[in-house]
Amino acid sequence: MPEIIIKLAFNGMKLTEKPCTHLDMIKMVEPATDVCADCVASDTKWPALRMCLTCGYTGCCDTSINKHAKTHAEETGHALFRSIVPDESWAWCYEDHAFLGSHHLKNR
């Protein structure tokens, strides 16, 4: 699959083009849960949830203490996660450090 150019959020303000080669890994588009089971098991809170677009794992975001989504990406090689916060429609590629807008998630 040829590289698809996506926008990268850089320092929260400037947008530049960056390739991501993991879009063919997208399989899951709807979350099966609305909690981070790993945080529930350890009795910790999370500010937001992210869902793995390869297997559907739902974990806490990178601003949480535990960073379960990032840990899942590192342990499994599943690079793409989407926000499952209401009114947010974006994904992040951990391997390419690339932000994907909602148009990459439609029709998948």
Protein backbone atom coordinates (compact mmCIF):
# COMPACT_ATOMS: atom_id res chain seq x y z
CA MET A 1 0.00 0.00 0.00
CA PRO A 2 1.50 3.36 -0.93
CA GLU A 3 2.12 5.82 1.85
CA ILE A 4 -0.86 8.02 2.56
CA ILE A 5 -0.10 11.61 3.47
CA ILE A 6 -1.77 12.82 6.64
CA LYS A 7 -1.49 15.88 8.82
CA LEU A 8 0.75 15.81 11.85
CA ALA A 9 -0.10 18.02 14.81
CA PHE A 10 3.24 19.54 15.77
CA ASN A 11 3.53 21.38 19.08
CA GLY A 12 -0.26 21.63 19.12
CA MET A 13 -0.31 24.45 16.59
CA LYS A 14 1.60 23.96 13.34
CA LEU A 15 0.40 21.32 10.88
CA THR A 16 2.78 19.63 8.49
CA GLU A 17 2.43 16.64 6.17
CA LYS A 18 3.68 13.29 7.40
CA PRO A 19 3.28 9.79 5.96
CA CYS A 20 1.63 6.89 7.77
CA THR A 21 1.97 3.34 6.47
CA HIS A 22 -0.39 1.67 8.95
CA LEU A 23 -3.84 2.51 7.58
CA ASP A 24 -4.15 -1.03 6.22
CA MET A 25 -4.14 -2.22 9.86
CA ILE A 26 -7.53 -0.60 10.59
CA LYS A 27 -10.08 -3.28 11.41
CA MET A 28 -12.07 -2.06 14.41
CA VAL A 29 -14.15 1.10 14.26
CA GLU A 30 -16.58 0.88 17.21
CA PRO A 31 -15.50 0.46 20.85
CA ALA A 32 -16.84 -2.50 22.82
CA THR A 33 -16.45 -0.73 26.17
CA ASP A 34 -16.37 2.75 27.67
CA VAL A 35 -13.80 2.07 30.40
CA CYS A 36 -10.11 1.28 30.64
CA ALA A 37 -10.32 -2.22 32.13
CA ASP A 38 -6.67 -2.04 33.22
CA CYS A 39 -7.33 1.17 35.18
CA VAL A 40 -10.49 -0.33 36.68
CA ALA A 41 -8.45 -3.36 37.81
CA SER A 42 -5.88 -1.10 39.49
CA ASP A 43 -8.52 1.32 40.86
CA THR A 44 -7.13 4.34 39.01
CA LYS A 45 -8.93 7.05 37.02
CA TRP A 46 -8.34 8.08 33.42
CA PRO A 47 -9.00 11.42 31.68
CA ALA A 48 -9.87 9.98 28.23
CA LEU A 49 -10.00 6.72 26.34
CA ARG A 50 -8.37 5.50 23.13
CA MET A 51 -9.28 2.38 21.14
CA CYS A 52 -6.87 0.21 19.17
CA LEU A 53 -7.96 0.17 15.53
CA THR A 54 -6.44 -3.27 15.02
CA CYS A 55 -7.96 -5.35 17.84
CA GLY A 56 -10.41 -3.06 19.66
CA TYR A 57 -8.48 -2.85 22.95
CA THR A 58 -9.63 0.21 24.91
CA GLY A 59 -7.09 1.93 27.13
CA CYS A 60 -6.41 5.22 28.85
CA CYS A 61 -4.78 8.08 26.97
CA ASP A 62 -1.21 9.39 27.16
CA THR A 63 -2.16 12.10 29.66
CA SER A 64 -3.22 9.45 32.17
CA ILE A 65 -0.85 8.08 34.80
CA ASN A 66 -0.85 4.58 33.30
CA LYS A 67 -0.85 5.26 29.52
CA HIS A 68 -2.41 1.86 28.80
CA ALA A 69 -3.13 2.65 25.13
CA LYS A 70 0.52 3.50 24.49
CA THR A 71 1.67 0.41 26.40
CA HIS A 72 -0.63 -1.75 24.28
CA ALA A 73 0.82 -0.21 21.11
CA GLU A 74 4.39 -0.86 22.26
CA GLU A 75 3.69 -4.45 23.34
CA THR A 76 1.64 -5.53 20.33
CA GLY A 77 2.86 -3.38 17.43
CA HIS A 78 -0.69 -2.13 16.90
CA ALA A 79 0.20 1.42 15.89
CA LEU A 80 -3.20 3.09 15.37
CA PHE A 81 -5.56 4.27 18.09
CA ARG A 82 -8.61 6.49 17.83
CA SER A 83 -10.15 8.75 20.41
CA ILE A 84 -13.46 7.48 21.74
CA VAL A 85 -14.24 10.71 23.56
CA PRO A 86 -17.69 11.94 22.48
CA ASP A 87 -17.49 14.58 19.72
CA GLU A 88 -13.89 13.65 18.83
CA SER A 89 -13.10 11.86 15.60
CA TRP A 90 -9.38 11.40 15.13
CA ALA A 91 -6.67 8.77 15.43
CA TRP A 92 -2.98 8.68 16.32
CA CYS A 93 -0.24 6.50 14.87
CA TYR A 94 2.23 5.74 17.64
CA GLU A 95 4.87 4.40 15.28
CA ASP A 96 4.81 7.28 12.79
CA HIS A 97 3.85 9.93 15.38
CA ALA A 98 1.09 11.03 13.02
CA PHE A 99 -2.33 12.54 13.66
CA LEU A 100 -5.16 11.27 11.41
CA GLY A 101 -8.29 13.29 10.86
CA SER A 102 -11.78 11.82 10.77
CA HIS A 103 -11.74 11.33 6.98
CA HIS A 104 -9.27 8.47 7.45
CA LEU A 105 -11.72 6.64 9.71
CA LYS A 106 -14.81 6.80 7.52
CA ASN A 107 -15.87 3.81 5.41
CA ARG A 108 -13.65 1.42 7.35
